[in-house]
Amino acid sequence: MFKNLLPEDLRVFQVVVRRASFAAAALELGASPAYVSKRIRLLEQELAVKLLHRTTRRVAVTEEGERVFQWAQRILDDIDHLVEEVSTTKSEPRGLLRVSCSFGFGRKVVAPALSKLIALHPGLQLRLEVFDRIVDVAAEGFDLDVRVGDEIAPHLIARLLAANHRVLCAAPAYLQRKSMPRSVDELAAHDCLVIKERDHPFGVWKLRAGAEERALKVTGPLSTNNGEMAVQWAVDGHGVVLRSLWDVRAELAAGTLVQLLPAWRQEANVWAVYPARLSRSAKVRVAVEFLQVFFETSGMEKSTQI
């Protein structure tokens, strides 16, 4: 029974489910849509079930398809672990490492780090995808999420990569026009540059000063889901921004931004987050250890202390 069931077909099916599209799956796999469609058709024939509902715009998973997807994920993970276990050295990572991250941190920090990682481990393949939302690492097929922020589901494994926090800052020109806030309560009267963060409610700044915590509802004429845009707006004098120190350290050093209310901050440490089932994966372990050293030696830890 199931003598023609191929791991490659399960892998194709897994990508189609994650992408909810034959065309997008083909693009990720480097194959043609016709090839993807054929592998899915053969898999459905072998299992004698309908796995997907197809429309002109989207692919939806059937109830049987959901069960097959969960089994496919476990089977493919076991195959990957088998390859790692019998390889000549368990310390040398091999295969595809799927990494997710937020937009700005991914571009500025994680992408350069992964560039160095791949140079050290030629047997490793990397796929980095960036999002403006929290990624469900296991369900969306990622091996590792490099996450800024301390809200992490308890069923996931989290390893601290770097200490970090967010600070309030604004341009000197804005402060000349609006004055320097003397307390967090005065932020309500300021133009605040609101960012749609992955891990925070829109327009709510959760701040801490020692043991005191506050959740402030802030507003302003400009908002975005891109932190780099918000920082540029702040430099242009449009308002107050709450950003990680790694993101504004150059502007603070140059004086184009000034830190406000230095006693108040928002904890936003950098974590490596991955499913428990990948706790013994060589590629995940090597990547996490490399990122820990990278952040330490790149001076990020120092840049977060002011």
C-alpha atoms as a PDB file:
ATOM      1  CA  MET A   1       0.000   0.000   0.000  1.00  0.00           C
ATOM      2  CA  PHE A   2       1.227   3.472  -0.898  1.00  0.00           C
ATOM      3  CA  LYS A   3       4.213   1.930  -2.706  1.00  0.00           C
ATOM      4  CA  ASN A   4       4.417   4.942  -5.020  1.00  0.00           C
ATOM      5  CA  LEU A   5       4.324   7.561  -2.241  1.00  0.00           C
ATOM      6  CA  LEU A   6       7.352   9.824  -2.704  1.00  0.00           C
ATOM      7  CA  PRO A   7       8.820  12.261  -0.156  1.00  0.00           C
ATOM      8  CA  GLU A   8       9.219  14.807  -2.953  1.00  0.00           C
ATOM      9  CA  ASP A   9       5.454  14.769  -3.556  1.00  0.00           C
ATOM     10  CA  LEU A  10       4.855  15.414   0.137  1.00  0.00           C
ATOM     11  CA  ARG A  11       7.318  18.308  -0.004  1.00  0.00           C
ATOM     12  CA  VAL A  12       5.567  19.805  -3.042  1.00  0.00           C
ATOM     13  CA  PHE A  13       2.197  19.439  -1.291  1.00  0.00           C
ATOM     14  CA  GLN A  14       3.567  21.104   1.838  1.00  0.00           C
ATOM     15  CA  VAL A  15       4.745  24.142  -0.130  1.00  0.00           C
ATOM     16  CA  VAL A  16       1.428  24.426  -2.008  1.00  0.00           C
ATOM     17  CA  VAL A  17      -0.456  24.468   1.308  1.00  0.00           C
ATOM     18  CA  ARG A  18       1.858  27.098   2.800  1.00  0.00           C
ATOM     19  CA  ARG A  19       1.640  29.297  -0.282  1.00  0.00           C
ATOM     20  CA  ALA A  20      -2.044  28.596  -1.030  1.00  0.00           C
ATOM     21  CA  SER A  21      -1.087  28.793  -4.687  1.00  0.00           C
ATOM     22  CA  PHE A  22       0.321  26.470  -7.341  1.00  0.00           C
ATOM     23  CA  ALA A  23       2.137  29.348  -9.052  1.00  0.00           C
ATOM     24  CA  ALA A  24       3.731  30.596  -5.813  1.00  0.00           C
ATOM     25  CA  ALA A  25       4.734  27.050  -4.877  1.00  0.00           C
ATOM     26  CA  ALA A  26       6.310  26.527  -8.287  1.00  0.00           C
ATOM     27  CA  LEU A  27       8.280  29.753  -7.875  1.00  0.00           C
ATOM     28  CA  GLU A  28       9.599  28.680  -4.469  1.00  0.00           C
ATOM     29  CA  LEU A  29      10.491  25.185  -5.704  1.00  0.00           C
ATOM     30  CA  GLY A  30      12.085  26.419  -8.906  1.00  0.00           C
ATOM     31  CA  ALA A  31       9.733  24.266 -10.951  1.00  0.00           C
ATOM     32  CA  SER A  32       6.891  24.832 -13.416  1.00  0.00           C
ATOM     33  CA  PRO A  33       3.234  25.090 -12.309  1.00  0.00           C
ATOM     34  CA  ALA A  34       2.540  22.074 -14.515  1.00  0.00           C
ATOM     35  CA  TYR A  35       5.084  19.999 -12.555  1.00  0.00           C
ATOM     36  CA  VAL A  36       3.536  21.056  -9.250  1.00  0.00           C
ATOM     37  CA  SER A  37       0.035  20.238 -10.491  1.00  0.00           C
ATOM     38  CA  LYS A  38       1.184  16.824 -11.707  1.00  0.00           C
ATOM     39  CA  ARG A  39       2.860  15.910  -8.375  1.00  0.00           C
ATOM     40  CA  ILE A  40      -0.275  16.914  -6.441  1.00  0.00           C
ATOM     41  CA  ARG A  41      -2.480  14.907  -8.789  1.00  0.00           C
ATOM     42  CA  LEU A  42      -0.280  11.813  -8.387  1.00  0.00           C
ATOM     43  CA  LEU A  43      -0.258  12.248  -4.600  1.00  0.00           C
ATOM     44  CA  GLU A  44      -4.058  12.455  -4.522  1.00  0.00           C
ATOM     45  CA  GLN A  45      -4.275   9.339  -6.691  1.00  0.00           C
ATOM     46  CA  GLU A  46      -1.864   7.432  -4.458  1.00  0.00           C
ATOM     47  CA  LEU A  47      -3.691   8.379  -1.264  1.00  0.00           C
ATOM     48  CA  ALA A  48      -7.139   8.126  -2.887  1.00  0.00           C
ATOM     49  CA  VAL A  49      -8.289  11.405  -1.291  1.00  0.00           C
ATOM     50  CA  LYS A  50      -8.928  14.955  -2.448  1.00  0.00           C
ATOM     51  CA  LEU A  51      -6.305  17.153  -0.811  1.00  0.00           C
ATOM     52  CA  LEU A  52      -7.091  20.579  -2.235  1.00  0.00           C
ATOM     53  CA  HIS A  53      -9.984  22.705  -3.440  1.00  0.00           C
ATOM     54  CA  ARG A  54      -8.783  24.688  -6.456  1.00  0.00           C
ATOM     55  CA  THR A  55     -10.220  28.019  -7.581  1.00  0.00           C
ATOM     56  CA  THR A  56      -8.974  30.493 -10.169  1.00  0.00           C
ATOM     57  CA  ARG A  57      -7.340  32.636  -7.442  1.00  0.00           C
ATOM     58  CA  ARG A  58      -6.571  30.434  -4.463  1.00  0.00           C
ATOM     59  CA  VAL A  59      -6.015  26.915  -3.202  1.00  0.00           C
ATOM     60  CA  ALA A  60      -7.850  25.732  -0.074  1.00  0.00           C
ATOM     61  CA  VAL A  61      -7.007  22.589   1.908  1.00  0.00           C
ATOM     62  CA  THR A  62      -9.633  19.901   2.445  1.00  0.00           C
ATOM     63  CA  GLU A  63     -10.161  18.217   5.802  1.00  0.00           C
ATOM     64  CA  GLU A  64      -8.236  15.164   4.552  1.00  0.00           C
ATOM     65  CA  GLY A  65      -5.567  17.525   3.208  1.00  0.00           C
ATOM     66  CA  GLU A  66      -5.082  19.058   6.667  1.00  0.00           C
ATOM     67  CA  ARG A  67      -4.349  15.614   8.127  1.00  0.00           C
ATOM     68  CA  VAL A  68      -1.984  14.763   5.282  1.00  0.00           C
ATOM     69  CA  PHE A  69      -0.221  18.115   5.735  1.00  0.00           C
ATOM     70  CA  GLN A  70       0.456  17.381   9.423  1.00  0.00           C
ATOM     71  CA  TRP A  71       1.765  13.907   8.594  1.00  0.00           C
ATOM     72  CA  ALA A  72       3.848  15.254   5.700  1.00  0.00           C
ATOM     73  CA  GLN A  73       5.502  17.764   8.000  1.00  0.00           C
ATOM     74  CA  ARG A  74       6.438  15.069  10.511  1.00  0.00           C
ATOM     75  CA  ILE A  75       7.649  12.670   7.810  1.00  0.00           C
ATOM     76  CA  LEU A  76       9.801  15.284   6.065  1.00  0.00           C
ATOM     77  CA  ASP A  77      11.268  16.460   9.377  1.00  0.00           C
ATOM     78  CA  ASP A  78      12.152  12.842  10.212  1.00  0.00           C
ATOM     79  CA  ILE A  79      13.833  12.436   6.833  1.00  0.00           C
ATOM     80  CA  ASP A  80      15.843  15.628   7.381  1.00  0.00           C
ATOM     81  CA  HIS A  81      16.873  14.442  10.846  1.00  0.00           C
ATOM     82  CA  LEU A  82      17.843  11.029   9.448  1.00  0.00           C
ATOM     83  CA  VAL A  83      20.135  12.683   6.903  1.00  0.00           C
ATOM     84  CA  GLU A  84      21.726  14.754   9.657  1.00  0.00           C
ATOM     85  CA  GLU A  85      22.176  11.722  11.938  1.00  0.00           C
ATOM     86  CA  VAL A  86      23.985   9.610   9.346  1.00  0.00           C
ATOM     87  CA  SER A  87      26.063  12.403   7.844  1.00  0.00           C
ATOM     88  CA  THR A  88      29.821  12.234   8.263  1.00  0.00           C
ATOM     89  CA  THR A  89      29.736  14.958  10.909  1.00  0.00           C
ATOM     90  CA  LYS A  90      26.677  16.077  12.852  1.00  0.00           C
ATOM     91  CA  SER A  91      28.242  19.461  13.436  1.00  0.00           C
ATOM     92  CA  GLU A  92      28.231  20.326   9.732  1.00  0.00           C
ATOM     93  CA  PRO A  93      24.747  21.561   8.723  1.00  0.00           C
ATOM     94  CA  ARG A  94      23.232  20.480   5.433  1.00  0.00           C
ATOM     95  CA  GLY A  95      20.029  21.115   3.568  1.00  0.00           C
ATOM     96  CA  LEU A  96      17.617  24.036   3.411  1.00  0.00           C
ATOM     97  CA  LEU A  97      17.272  26.349   6.416  1.00  0.00           C
ATOM     98  CA  ARG A  98      14.085  28.423   6.213  1.00  0.00           C
ATOM     99  CA  VAL A  99      14.381  31.652   8.216  1.00  0.00           C
ATOM    100  CA  SER A 100      11.792  34.370   8.863  1.00  0.00           C
ATOM    101  CA  CYS A 101      12.199  37.862  10.301  1.00  0.00           C
ATOM    102  CA  SER A 102      10.686  41.356  10.316  1.00  0.00           C
ATOM    103  CA  PHE A 103      11.342  43.747   7.412  1.00  0.00           C
ATOM    104  CA  GLY A 104      13.845  46.237   8.809  1.00  0.00           C
ATOM    105  CA  PHE A 105      15.760  43.912  11.093  1.00  0.00           C
ATOM    106  CA  GLY A 106      15.879  41.299   8.364  1.00  0.00           C
ATOM    107  CA  ARG A 107      17.365  43.695   5.811  1.00  0.00           C
ATOM    108  CA  LYS A 108      19.765  45.561   8.077  1.00  0.00           C
ATOM    109  CA  VAL A 109      20.987  42.838  10.417  1.00  0.00           C
ATOM    110  CA  VAL A 110      19.828  39.280   9.687  1.00  0.00           C
ATOM    111  CA  ALA A 111      20.582  39.214   5.936  1.00  0.00           C
ATOM    112  CA  PRO A 112      24.244  40.277   6.422  1.00  0.00           C
ATOM    113  CA  ALA A 113      24.587  37.718   9.226  1.00  0.00           C
ATOM    114  CA  LEU A 114      23.202  34.898   7.071  1.00  0.00           C
ATOM    115  CA  SER A 115      25.545  35.931   4.261  1.00  0.00           C
ATOM    116  CA  LYS A 116      28.465  35.195   6.570  1.00  0.00           C
ATOM    117  CA  LEU A 117      26.868  31.965   7.800  1.00  0.00           C
ATOM    118  CA  ILE A 118      26.448  30.514   4.302  1.00  0.00           C
ATOM    119  CA  ALA A 119      30.072  31.340   3.489  1.00  0.00           C
ATOM    120  CA  LEU A 120      31.185  29.228   6.463  1.00  0.00           C
ATOM    121  CA  HIS A 121      28.870  26.282   5.705  1.00  0.00           C
ATOM    122  CA  PRO A 122      28.686  25.533   1.953  1.00  0.00           C
ATOM    123  CA  GLY A 123      26.480  22.490   2.557  1.00  0.00           C
ATOM    124  CA  LEU A 124      23.724  24.756   3.843  1.00  0.00           C
ATOM    125  CA  GLN A 125      21.037  26.440   1.762  1.00  0.00           C
ATOM    126  CA  LEU A 126      19.188  29.469   3.138  1.00  0.00           C
ATOM    127  CA  ARG A 127      15.805  30.993   2.416  1.00  0.00           C
ATOM    128  CA  LEU A 128      15.041  34.264   4.245  1.00  0.00           C
ATOM    129  CA  GLU A 129      11.522  35.724   4.182  1.00  0.00           C
ATOM    130  CA  VAL A 130      10.461  38.944   5.904  1.00  0.00           C
ATOM    131  CA  PHE A 131       7.029  39.848   7.273  1.00  0.00           C
ATOM    132  CA  ASP A 132       5.237  42.620   9.173  1.00  0.00           C
ATOM    133  CA  ARG A 133       3.518  40.062  11.434  1.00  0.00           C
ATOM    134  CA  ILE A 134       4.339  37.287  13.869  1.00  0.00           C
ATOM    135  CA  VAL A 135       5.084  34.084  11.985  1.00  0.00           C
ATOM    136  CA  ASP A 136       3.671  30.731  13.103  1.00  0.00           C
ATOM    137  CA  VAL A 137       7.030  29.015  12.703  1.00  0.00           C
ATOM    138  CA  ALA A 138       5.827  25.406  12.667  1.00  0.00           C
ATOM    139  CA  ALA A 139       2.591  25.827  10.708  1.00  0.00           C
ATOM    140  CA  GLU A 140       4.190  28.012   8.031  1.00  0.00           C
ATOM    141  CA  GLY A 141       7.119  25.688   7.444  1.00  0.00           C
ATOM    142  CA  PHE A 142       9.962  27.789   8.866  1.00  0.00           C
ATOM    143  CA  ASP A 143      12.880  26.343  10.788  1.00  0.00           C
ATOM    144  CA  LEU A 144      13.848  29.541  12.565  1.00  0.00           C
ATOM    145  CA  ASP A 145      12.292  32.946  13.302  1.00  0.00           C
ATOM    146  CA  VAL A 146      14.680  35.746  14.313  1.00  0.00           C
ATOM    147  CA  ARG A 147      12.319  37.811  16.422  1.00  0.00           C
ATOM    148  CA  VAL A 148      12.567  41.253  18.016  1.00  0.00           C
ATOM    149  CA  GLY A 149      10.244  41.289  21.036  1.00  0.00           C
ATOM    150  CA  ASP A 150       9.677  39.213  24.147  1.00  0.00           C
ATOM    151  CA  GLU A 151       6.183  37.832  23.526  1.00  0.00           C
ATOM    152  CA  ILE A 152       6.850  34.190  22.558  1.00  0.00           C
ATOM    153  CA  ALA A 153       4.415  31.275  22.708  1.00  0.00           C
ATOM    154  CA  PRO A 154       5.346  28.742  25.414  1.00  0.00           C
ATOM    155  CA  HIS A 155       5.315  25.754  23.044  1.00  0.00           C
ATOM    156  CA  LEU A 156       8.251  27.227  21.075  1.00  0.00           C
ATOM    157  CA  ILE A 157      11.933  27.128  21.989  1.00  0.00           C
ATOM    158  CA  ALA A 158      13.523  30.575  22.328  1.00  0.00           C
ATOM    159  CA  ARG A 159      17.241  31.354  22.602  1.00  0.00           C
ATOM    160  CA  LEU A 160      18.379  34.895  23.441  1.00  0.00           C
ATOM    161  CA  LEU A 161      20.553  36.352  20.684  1.00  0.00           C
ATOM    162  CA  ALA A 162      21.032  39.909  21.949  1.00  0.00           C
ATOM    163  CA  ALA A 163      19.722  42.281  24.590  1.00  0.00           C
ATOM    164  CA  ASN A 164      17.810  45.172  23.063  1.00  0.00           C
ATOM    165  CA  HIS A 165      15.211  47.801  23.937  1.00  0.00           C
ATOM    166  CA  ARG A 166      13.277  50.522  22.159  1.00  0.00           C
ATOM    167  CA  VAL A 167      13.686  54.214  22.982  1.00  0.00           C
ATOM    168  CA  LEU A 168      11.687  57.385  22.385  1.00  0.00           C
ATOM    169  CA  CYS A 169      13.306  59.961  20.124  1.00  0.00           C
ATOM    170  CA  ALA A 170      12.575  62.971  17.928  1.00  0.00           C
ATOM    171  CA  ALA A 171      14.432  65.488  15.777  1.00  0.00           C
ATOM    172  CA  PRO A 172      15.773  68.743  17.297  1.00  0.00           C
ATOM    173  CA  ALA A 173      13.592  70.733  14.854  1.00  0.00           C
ATOM    174  CA  TYR A 174      10.450  68.980  16.107  1.00  0.00           C
ATOM    175  CA  LEU A 175      11.397  69.615  19.743  1.00  0.00           C
ATOM    176  CA  GLN A 176      11.942  73.306  19.020  1.00  0.00           C
ATOM    177  CA  ARG A 177       8.445  73.452  17.587  1.00  0.00           C
ATOM    178  CA  LYS A 178       6.632  71.256  20.129  1.00  0.00           C
ATOM    179  CA  SER A 179       8.972  71.347  23.198  1.00  0.00           C
ATOM    180  CA  MET A 180      10.582  68.448  25.054  1.00  0.00           C
ATOM    181  CA  PRO A 181       8.089  66.173  26.870  1.00  0.00           C
ATOM    182  CA  ARG A 182       8.771  66.068  30.619  1.00  0.00           C
ATOM    183  CA  SER A 183       6.646  62.964  31.351  1.00  0.00           C
ATOM    184  CA  VAL A 184       5.106  60.073  29.454  1.00  0.00           C
ATOM    185  CA  ASP A 185       1.667  61.607  30.008  1.00  0.00           C
ATOM    186  CA  GLU A 186       2.690  64.562  27.834  1.00  0.00           C
ATOM    187  CA  LEU A 187       3.173  62.221  24.850  1.00  0.00           C
ATOM    188  CA  ALA A 188      -0.604  62.364  24.331  1.00  0.00           C
ATOM    189  CA  ALA A 189      -0.193  65.963  23.190  1.00  0.00           C
ATOM    190  CA  HIS A 190       2.609  65.112  20.737  1.00  0.00           C
ATOM    191  CA  ASP A 191       2.611  63.900  17.145  1.00  0.00           C
ATOM    192  CA  CYS A 192       3.620  60.253  17.478  1.00  0.00           C
ATOM    193  CA  LEU A 193       4.745  58.209  14.504  1.00  0.00           C
ATOM    194  CA  VAL A 194       2.796  54.987  14.907  1.00  0.00           C
ATOM    195  CA  ILE A 195       4.200  51.757  13.474  1.00  0.00           C
ATOM    196  CA  LYS A 196       2.255  48.546  12.937  1.00  0.00           C
ATOM    197  CA  GLU A 197       4.576  46.222  14.862  1.00  0.00           C
ATOM    198  CA  ARG A 198       4.623  42.453  14.674  1.00  0.00           C
ATOM    199  CA  ASP A 199       4.107  42.017  18.419  1.00  0.00           C
ATOM    200  CA  HIS A 200       2.222  45.088  19.661  1.00  0.00           C
ATOM    201  CA  PRO A 201      -1.300  46.535  19.301  1.00  0.00           C
ATOM    202  CA  PHE A 202      -1.442  49.375  16.790  1.00  0.00           C
ATOM    203  CA  GLY A 203      -1.055  52.776  18.449  1.00  0.00           C
ATOM    204  CA  VAL A 204      -0.285  51.459  21.936  1.00  0.00           C
ATOM    205  CA  TRP A 205       3.191  52.031  23.397  1.00  0.00           C
ATOM    206  CA  LYS A 206       4.018  49.807  26.352  1.00  0.00           C
ATOM    207  CA  LEU A 207       6.809  51.457  28.307  1.00  0.00           C
ATOM    208  CA  ARG A 208       8.715  50.679  31.482  1.00  0.00           C
ATOM    209  CA  ALA A 209      10.748  52.811  33.892  1.00  0.00           C
ATOM    210  CA  GLY A 210      12.195  50.586  36.586  1.00  0.00           C
ATOM    211  CA  ALA A 211       9.261  48.758  38.194  1.00  0.00           C
ATOM    212  CA  GLU A 212       6.654  51.112  36.726  1.00  0.00           C
ATOM    213  CA  GLU A 213       4.846  50.102  33.537  1.00  0.00           C
ATOM    214  CA  ARG A 214       2.537  52.160  31.351  1.00  0.00           C
ATOM    215  CA  ALA A 215       0.453  51.415  28.255  1.00  0.00           C
ATOM    216  CA  LEU A 216      -0.066  54.662  26.340  1.00  0.00           C
ATOM    217  CA  LYS A 217      -2.486  55.237  23.473  1.00  0.00           C
ATOM    218  CA  VAL A 218      -0.661  57.519  21.038  1.00  0.00           C
ATOM    219  CA  THR A 219      -1.756  59.201  17.814  1.00  0.00           C
ATOM    220  CA  GLY A 220      -0.307  61.321  15.045  1.00  0.00           C
ATOM    221  CA  PRO A 221      -0.861  62.356  11.428  1.00  0.00           C
ATOM    222  CA  LEU A 222       1.575  59.745  10.056  1.00  0.00           C
ATOM    223  CA  SER A 223       1.603  55.977  10.504  1.00  0.00           C
ATOM    224  CA  THR A 224       3.176  53.043   8.678  1.00  0.00           C
ATOM    225  CA  ASN A 225       4.056  49.369   8.910  1.00  0.00           C
ATOM    226  CA  ASN A 226       7.681  50.102   8.015  1.00  0.00           C
ATOM    227  CA  GLY A 227      10.092  51.170  10.743  1.00  0.00           C
ATOM    228  CA  GLU A 228      12.629  52.690   8.350  1.00  0.00           C
ATOM    229  CA  MET A 229       9.988  55.068   7.013  1.00  0.00           C
ATOM    230  CA  ALA A 230       9.007  56.079  10.528  1.00  0.00           C
ATOM    231  CA  VAL A 231      12.628  56.817  11.450  1.00  0.00           C
ATOM    232  CA  GLN A 232      13.039  58.968   8.351  1.00  0.00           C
ATOM    233  CA  TRP A 233       9.841  60.859   9.195  1.00  0.00           C
ATOM    234  CA  ALA A 234      11.214  61.444  12.698  1.00  0.00           C
ATOM    235  CA  VAL A 235      14.500  62.759  11.266  1.00  0.00           C
ATOM    236  CA  ASP A 236      12.443  65.050   9.002  1.00  0.00           C
ATOM    237  CA  GLY A 237      10.841  66.538  12.113  1.00  0.00           C
ATOM    238  CA  HIS A 238       7.353  65.034  11.872  1.00  0.00           C
ATOM    239  CA  GLY A 239       7.090  63.595  15.378  1.00  0.00           C
ATOM    240  CA  VAL A 240       8.147  61.193  18.115  1.00  0.00           C
ATOM    241  CA  VAL A 241       9.152  57.645  17.223  1.00  0.00           C
ATOM    242  CA  LEU A 242       9.670  54.523  19.365  1.00  0.00           C
ATOM    243  CA  ARG A 243      12.401  52.400  17.817  1.00  0.00           C
ATOM    244  CA  SER A 244      15.029  49.828  18.753  1.00  0.00           C
ATOM    245  CA  LEU A 245      18.452  51.207  19.544  1.00  0.00           C
ATOM    246  CA  TRP A 246      20.020  49.146  16.756  1.00  0.00           C
ATOM    247  CA  ASP A 247      17.753  51.029  14.346  1.00  0.00           C
ATOM    248  CA  VAL A 248      18.438  54.606  15.522  1.00  0.00           C
ATOM    249  CA  ARG A 249      21.945  54.463  17.027  1.00  0.00           C
ATOM    250  CA  ALA A 250      23.481  56.221  13.989  1.00  0.00           C
ATOM    251  CA  GLU A 251      20.922  59.041  14.116  1.00  0.00           C
ATOM    252  CA  LEU A 252      21.376  59.479  17.870  1.00  0.00           C
ATOM    253  CA  ALA A 253      25.152  59.590  17.463  1.00  0.00           C
ATOM    254  CA  ALA A 254      24.873  62.133  14.636  1.00  0.00           C
ATOM    255  CA  GLY A 255      22.398  64.302  16.541  1.00  0.00           C
ATOM    256  CA  THR A 256      19.682  64.085  13.902  1.00  0.00           C
ATOM    257  CA  LEU A 257      17.553  62.432  16.583  1.00  0.00           C
ATOM    258  CA  VAL A 258      17.502  63.119  20.316  1.00  0.00           C
ATOM    259  CA  GLN A 259      16.435  60.603  22.939  1.00  0.00           C
ATOM    260  CA  LEU A 260      13.388  61.583  25.012  1.00  0.00           C
ATOM    261  CA  LEU A 261      12.529  60.500  28.557  1.00  0.00           C
ATOM    262  CA  PRO A 262      15.589  58.238  28.879  1.00  0.00           C
ATOM    263  CA  ALA A 263      14.237  56.497  31.987  1.00  0.00           C
ATOM    264  CA  TRP A 264      11.437  55.000  29.873  1.00  0.00           C
ATOM    265  CA  ARG A 265      12.011  52.134  27.461  1.00  0.00           C
ATOM    266  CA  GLN A 266      10.327  49.150  25.858  1.00  0.00           C
ATOM    267  CA  GLU A 267      12.049  45.783  26.151  1.00  0.00           C
ATOM    268  CA  ALA A 268      12.585  44.266  22.719  1.00  0.00           C
ATOM    269  CA  ASN A 269      15.261  41.598  22.983  1.00  0.00           C
ATOM    270  CA  VAL A 270      16.323  39.589  19.945  1.00  0.00           C
ATOM    271  CA  TRP A 271      15.452  35.887  20.025  1.00  0.00           C
ATOM    272  CA  ALA A 272      15.950  32.803  17.909  1.00  0.00           C
ATOM    273  CA  VAL A 273      12.588  31.007  17.937  1.00  0.00           C
ATOM    274  CA  TYR A 274      12.006  27.506  16.584  1.00  0.00           C
ATOM    275  CA  PRO A 275       9.698  24.487  17.065  1.00  0.00           C
ATOM    276  CA  ALA A 276      10.555  21.917  19.748  1.00  0.00           C
ATOM    277  CA  ARG A 277      10.688  19.209  17.073  1.00  0.00           C
ATOM    278  CA  LEU A 278      13.788  20.918  15.637  1.00  0.00           C
ATOM    279  CA  SER A 279      15.669  21.010  18.954  1.00  0.00           C
ATOM    280  CA  ARG A 280      18.158  18.393  17.701  1.00  0.00           C
ATOM    281  CA  SER A 281      18.540  19.801  14.195  1.00  0.00           C
ATOM    282  CA  ALA A 282      22.174  20.463  13.320  1.00  0.00           C
ATOM    283  CA  LYS A 283      21.345  23.270  10.901  1.00  0.00           C
ATOM    284  CA  VAL A 284      19.196  25.097  13.459  1.00  0.00           C
ATOM    285  CA  ARG A 285      21.754  24.633  16.246  1.00  0.00           C
ATOM    286  CA  VAL A 286      24.647  25.881  14.117  1.00  0.00           C
ATOM    287  CA  ALA A 287      22.618  28.871  12.886  1.00  0.00           C
ATOM    288  CA  VAL A 288      21.585  29.886  16.405  1.00  0.00           C
ATOM    289  CA  GLU A 289      25.119  29.553  17.775  1.00  0.00           C
ATOM    290  CA  PHE A 290      26.482  31.558  14.852  1.00  0.00           C
ATOM    291  CA  LEU A 291      23.918  34.347  15.318  1.00  0.00           C
ATOM    292  CA  GLN A 292      24.705  34.577  19.033  1.00  0.00           C
ATOM    293  CA  VAL A 293      28.402  35.072  18.275  1.00  0.00           C
ATOM    294  CA  PHE A 294      27.636  37.405  15.356  1.00  0.00           C
ATOM    295  CA  PHE A 295      25.545  39.767  17.484  1.00  0.00           C
ATOM    296  CA  GLU A 296      28.108  39.743  20.274  1.00  0.00           C
ATOM    297  CA  THR A 297      31.102  40.446  18.025  1.00  0.00           C
ATOM    298  CA  SER A 298      29.267  42.940  15.784  1.00  0.00           C
ATOM    299  CA  GLY A 299      28.823  45.255  18.731  1.00  0.00           C
ATOM    300  CA  MET A 300      25.030  45.045  18.827  1.00  0.00           C
ATOM    301  CA  GLU A 301      25.087  44.250  22.549  1.00  0.00           C
ATOM    302  CA  LYS A 302      27.157  47.379  23.190  1.00  0.00           C
ATOM    303  CA  SER A 303      24.956  49.509  20.953  1.00  0.00           C
ATOM    304  CA  THR A 304      21.929  48.677  23.108  1.00  0.00           C
ATOM    305  CA  GLN A 305      23.486  50.109  26.260  1.00  0.00           C
ATOM    306  CA  ILE A 306      23.113  53.851  26.809  1.00  0.00           C
END
